[in-house]
N, C-alpha and C. Protein backbone atom coordinates (compact mmCIF):
# COMPACT_ATOMS: atom_id res chain seq x y z
N MET A 1 6.63 20.64 -7.06
CA MET A 1 5.34 20.90 -7.13
C MET A 1 4.52 19.85 -6.21
N SER A 2 3.65 20.35 -5.43
CA SER A 2 2.84 19.34 -4.33
C SER A 2 1.67 19.10 -5.23
N ILE A 3 1.10 17.80 -4.69
CA ILE A 3 -0.26 17.45 -5.27
C ILE A 3 -1.33 17.73 -4.31
N ASP A 4 -2.48 18.01 -4.55
CA ASP A 4 -3.44 18.14 -3.87
C ASP A 4 -3.98 16.78 -3.22
N PRO A 5 -4.07 16.78 -2.00
CA PRO A 5 -4.40 15.47 -1.28
C PRO A 5 -5.76 14.92 -1.74
N ARG A 6 -6.66 15.66 -2.01
CA ARG A 6 -7.97 15.22 -2.70
C ARG A 6 -7.74 14.46 -4.05
N VAL A 7 -6.93 14.97 -4.84
CA VAL A 7 -6.71 14.28 -6.17
C VAL A 7 -5.87 13.08 -5.87
N ALA A 8 -4.89 13.12 -4.87
CA ALA A 8 -4.25 11.90 -4.56
C ALA A 8 -4.96 10.67 -4.04
N LEU A 9 -6.04 11.13 -3.11
CA LEU A 9 -6.88 10.34 -2.63
C LEU A 9 -7.90 9.79 -3.62
N ALA A 10 -8.29 10.51 -4.61
CA ALA A 10 -9.11 9.91 -5.80
C ALA A 10 -8.30 9.04 -6.48
N SER A 11 -7.01 9.18 -6.77
CA SER A 11 -6.23 8.10 -7.52
C SER A 11 -5.97 6.94 -6.85
N LEU A 12 -5.77 7.15 -5.42
CA LEU A 12 -5.79 5.94 -4.50
C LEU A 12 -7.14 5.07 -4.66
N ALA A 13 -8.07 5.63 -4.53
CA ALA A 13 -9.50 5.01 -4.69
C ALA A 13 -9.57 4.20 -5.97
N SER A 14 -8.99 5.04 -7.07
CA SER A 14 -9.24 4.33 -8.16
C SER A 14 -8.38 3.07 -8.49
N ALA A 15 -7.14 3.29 -7.91
CA ALA A 15 -6.21 2.05 -7.97
C ALA A 15 -6.88 1.04 -7.02
N LEU A 16 -7.37 1.38 -5.90
CA LEU A 16 -7.89 0.22 -5.10
C LEU A 16 -9.13 -0.55 -5.86
N GLU A 17 -10.00 0.30 -6.69
CA GLU A 17 -11.17 -0.22 -7.39
C GLU A 17 -10.48 -1.20 -8.44
N GLU A 18 -9.38 -0.83 -9.15
CA GLU A 18 -8.72 -1.54 -10.23
C GLU A 18 -8.14 -2.87 -9.65
N HIS A 19 -7.70 -2.82 -8.46
CA HIS A 19 -6.99 -3.87 -7.87
C HIS A 19 -8.09 -4.97 -7.50
N LEU A 20 -9.30 -4.39 -7.11
CA LEU A 20 -10.30 -5.34 -6.72
C LEU A 20 -10.81 -6.14 -8.14
N ALA A 21 -10.85 -5.34 -9.12
CA ALA A 21 -11.34 -5.75 -10.39
C ALA A 21 -10.34 -6.91 -10.96
N ALA A 22 -9.25 -6.38 -10.73
CA ALA A 22 -8.02 -7.49 -11.31
C ALA A 22 -8.08 -8.77 -10.23
N ALA A 23 -8.25 -8.66 -9.17
CA ALA A 23 -8.32 -9.82 -8.19
C ALA A 23 -9.53 -10.55 -8.49
N ALA A 24 -10.61 -10.00 -8.67
CA ALA A 24 -11.78 -10.78 -8.99
C ALA A 24 -11.81 -11.63 -10.37
N ALA A 25 -11.06 -10.99 -11.31
CA ALA A 25 -10.72 -11.62 -12.46
C ALA A 25 -9.41 -12.44 -12.75
N ARG A 26 -8.94 -12.56 -11.59
CA ARG A 26 -7.54 -13.53 -11.67
C ARG A 26 -7.63 -14.73 -12.30
N ARG A 27 -6.50 -14.80 -13.22
CA ARG A 27 -6.63 -16.06 -13.98
C ARG A 27 -5.64 -17.14 -13.43
N SER A 28 -4.67 -16.67 -12.55
CA SER A 28 -3.66 -17.66 -12.06
C SER A 28 -3.13 -17.06 -10.74
N ASP A 29 -2.24 -17.82 -9.96
CA ASP A 29 -1.70 -17.28 -8.81
C ASP A 29 -0.70 -16.03 -9.26
N GLY A 30 -0.05 -16.14 -10.35
CA GLY A 30 0.79 -15.16 -10.70
C GLY A 30 0.31 -14.39 -11.70
N ASP A 31 -0.97 -14.05 -11.52
CA ASP A 31 -1.53 -13.20 -12.77
C ASP A 31 -0.84 -11.85 -12.75
N PRO A 32 -0.32 -11.37 -13.80
CA PRO A 32 0.44 -10.17 -13.96
C PRO A 32 -0.52 -8.87 -13.98
N ALA A 33 -1.68 -9.01 -14.19
CA ALA A 33 -2.67 -7.85 -13.97
C ALA A 33 -2.97 -7.66 -12.57
N VAL A 34 -2.88 -8.67 -11.65
CA VAL A 34 -3.16 -8.40 -10.20
C VAL A 34 -1.81 -7.78 -9.63
N GLU A 35 -0.74 -8.35 -10.09
CA GLU A 35 0.63 -7.79 -9.64
C GLU A 35 0.71 -6.29 -10.02
N ALA A 36 0.42 -5.96 -11.20
CA ALA A 36 0.37 -4.57 -11.65
C ALA A 36 -0.44 -3.65 -10.73
N ALA A 37 -1.72 -4.17 -10.61
CA ALA A 37 -2.53 -3.50 -9.76
C ALA A 37 -2.24 -3.25 -8.27
N PHE A 38 -1.57 -4.44 -7.73
CA PHE A 38 -1.04 -4.31 -6.39
C PHE A 38 0.05 -3.05 -6.25
N PHE A 39 0.87 -2.94 -7.23
CA PHE A 39 1.96 -2.07 -7.17
C PHE A 39 1.38 -0.55 -7.61
N ALA A 40 0.27 -0.58 -8.27
CA ALA A 40 -0.26 0.69 -8.49
C ALA A 40 -0.88 1.23 -7.11
N VAL A 41 -1.48 0.21 -6.42
CA VAL A 41 -2.03 0.66 -5.16
C VAL A 41 -0.95 1.32 -4.29
N ALA A 42 0.10 0.45 -4.15
CA ALA A 42 1.14 0.89 -3.40
C ALA A 42 1.79 2.28 -3.70
N ASP A 43 1.83 2.52 -5.01
CA ASP A 43 2.46 3.79 -5.50
C ASP A 43 1.37 5.01 -5.29
N ALA A 44 0.10 4.62 -5.45
CA ALA A 44 -0.88 5.73 -5.24
C ALA A 44 -0.87 6.16 -3.86
N PHE A 45 -0.90 5.10 -2.72
CA PHE A 45 -0.82 5.30 -1.41
C PHE A 45 0.30 6.19 -0.84
N GLU A 46 1.43 5.96 -1.45
CA GLU A 46 2.73 6.77 -1.24
C GLU A 46 2.48 8.07 -1.53
N VAL A 47 1.85 8.48 -2.83
CA VAL A 47 1.65 9.76 -3.30
C VAL A 47 0.67 10.40 -2.54
N TYR A 48 -0.51 9.58 -2.05
CA TYR A 48 -1.41 10.33 -1.11
C TYR A 48 -0.71 10.57 0.12
N ASP A 49 -0.08 9.71 0.95
CA ASP A 49 0.48 9.92 2.13
C ASP A 49 1.56 11.04 2.15
N ASP A 50 2.19 11.26 1.01
CA ASP A 50 3.13 12.43 0.93
C ASP A 50 2.24 13.58 0.77
N ALA A 51 1.49 13.61 -0.10
CA ALA A 51 0.50 14.83 -0.28
C ALA A 51 0.00 15.21 0.93
N LEU A 52 -0.66 14.25 1.65
CA LEU A 52 -1.31 14.56 3.10
C LEU A 52 -0.43 15.25 4.17
N TYR A 53 0.74 14.73 4.09
CA TYR A 53 1.85 15.17 4.87
C TYR A 53 2.27 16.78 4.49
N GLU A 54 2.57 16.95 3.21
CA GLU A 54 2.90 18.17 2.74
C GLU A 54 1.77 19.18 2.93
N ALA A 55 0.61 18.92 3.03
CA ALA A 55 -0.60 19.79 2.98
C ALA A 55 -1.01 20.06 4.43
N TYR A 56 -0.90 19.11 5.22
CA TYR A 56 -1.44 19.19 6.54
C TYR A 56 -0.61 18.78 7.75
N GLY A 57 0.53 18.18 7.32
CA GLY A 57 1.48 17.75 8.37
C GLY A 57 0.96 16.52 9.02
N GLU A 58 0.14 15.70 8.35
CA GLU A 58 -0.63 14.57 8.93
C GLU A 58 -0.21 13.36 8.12
N VAL A 59 -0.29 12.35 8.54
CA VAL A 59 0.03 10.91 7.91
C VAL A 59 -1.05 9.95 8.27
N THR A 60 -1.17 8.84 7.43
CA THR A 60 -2.24 7.66 7.71
C THR A 60 -1.66 6.68 8.75
N PRO A 61 -2.36 5.93 9.27
CA PRO A 61 -1.81 4.91 10.34
C PRO A 61 -1.41 3.76 9.35
N LEU A 62 -1.03 3.84 8.00
CA LEU A 62 -0.80 2.52 7.29
C LEU A 62 0.61 2.88 6.61
N GLN A 63 1.11 1.74 6.17
CA GLN A 63 2.59 1.93 5.59
C GLN A 63 2.52 0.84 4.41
N VAL A 64 3.42 0.99 3.56
CA VAL A 64 3.53 -0.09 2.36
C VAL A 64 4.76 -0.79 2.89
N ILE A 65 4.87 -1.95 3.04
CA ILE A 65 5.63 -2.94 3.45
C ILE A 65 6.45 -3.55 2.24
N ASP A 66 7.78 -3.09 2.19
CA ASP A 66 8.75 -3.75 1.18
C ASP A 66 8.87 -5.20 1.23
N GLY A 67 9.00 -5.84 0.29
CA GLY A 67 9.32 -7.35 0.13
C GLY A 67 10.37 -7.60 1.07
N ASP A 68 11.34 -6.93 1.10
CA ASP A 68 12.43 -7.15 1.91
C ASP A 68 12.40 -7.35 3.29
N GLU A 69 11.42 -6.87 3.84
CA GLU A 69 11.04 -7.08 5.23
C GLU A 69 10.61 -8.36 5.75
N ASP A 70 10.43 -9.22 4.65
CA ASP A 70 10.01 -10.57 5.08
C ASP A 70 11.25 -11.22 5.68
N ASP A 71 12.38 -10.69 5.52
CA ASP A 71 13.48 -11.35 5.96
C ASP A 71 13.57 -11.34 7.60
N ASP A 72 12.50 -10.63 8.24
CA ASP A 72 12.45 -10.64 9.74
C ASP A 72 12.41 -11.89 10.35
N ASP A 73 11.56 -12.93 9.64
CA ASP A 73 11.27 -14.14 10.03
C ASP A 73 12.62 -14.94 10.19
N ASP A 74 13.65 -14.63 9.56
CA ASP A 74 14.88 -15.32 9.59
C ASP A 74 15.58 -14.79 10.82
N GLU A 75 15.23 -13.76 11.33
CA GLU A 75 15.83 -13.15 12.63
C GLU A 75 15.14 -13.62 13.74
N GLY A 76 14.13 -14.41 13.68
CA GLY A 76 13.56 -14.96 15.03
C GLY A 76 12.28 -14.07 15.28
N ILE A 77 11.78 -13.10 14.50
CA ILE A 77 10.68 -12.43 14.94
C ILE A 77 9.51 -13.01 14.16
N ASP A 78 8.46 -13.29 14.96
CA ASP A 78 7.32 -13.99 14.45
C ASP A 78 6.22 -12.93 14.01
N ASP A 79 5.31 -13.45 13.19
CA ASP A 79 4.10 -12.42 12.73
C ASP A 79 3.38 -11.73 14.04
N ASP A 80 3.24 -12.66 15.05
CA ASP A 80 2.34 -12.00 16.19
C ASP A 80 3.07 -10.90 16.83
N GLU A 81 4.59 -10.96 16.96
CA GLU A 81 5.31 -9.86 17.35
C GLU A 81 5.16 -8.79 16.54
N ASP A 82 5.23 -8.89 15.26
CA ASP A 82 5.12 -7.90 14.34
C ASP A 82 3.73 -7.09 14.41
N LEU A 83 2.58 -7.86 14.61
CA LEU A 83 1.41 -7.44 14.59
C LEU A 83 1.33 -6.51 15.99
N GLU A 84 1.72 -7.04 16.97
CA GLU A 84 1.65 -6.18 18.38
C GLU A 84 2.41 -4.96 18.29
N ILE A 85 3.65 -4.80 17.48
CA ILE A 85 4.41 -3.74 17.27
C ILE A 85 3.49 -2.59 16.39
N LEU A 86 2.71 -3.19 15.36
CA LEU A 86 2.11 -2.16 14.59
C LEU A 86 0.78 -1.55 15.29
N GLN A 87 0.29 -2.47 16.22
CA GLN A 87 -0.99 -2.05 16.96
C GLN A 87 -0.68 -1.11 18.04
N ASP A 88 0.58 -0.90 18.52
CA ASP A 88 1.00 -0.17 19.55
C ASP A 88 0.98 1.31 19.09
């Protein structure tokens, strides 16, 4: 069953609002509310991106970056190179 992209977009907007509220009320660097809100944004974005693609064959210019991709720095790739690749 596919989800309406407008419904998914509303969920993404709500997740972003909740993330902002959690960040503004942060109690520490490892605040679990901020972390939970972070992952809620990532999940809501993926649902929206999938719904957009299913409905219209379109995607956003954004992507959720998995924490495992931080290993690129160990391979000699610096952040400036990563930025240039994403801008192309």
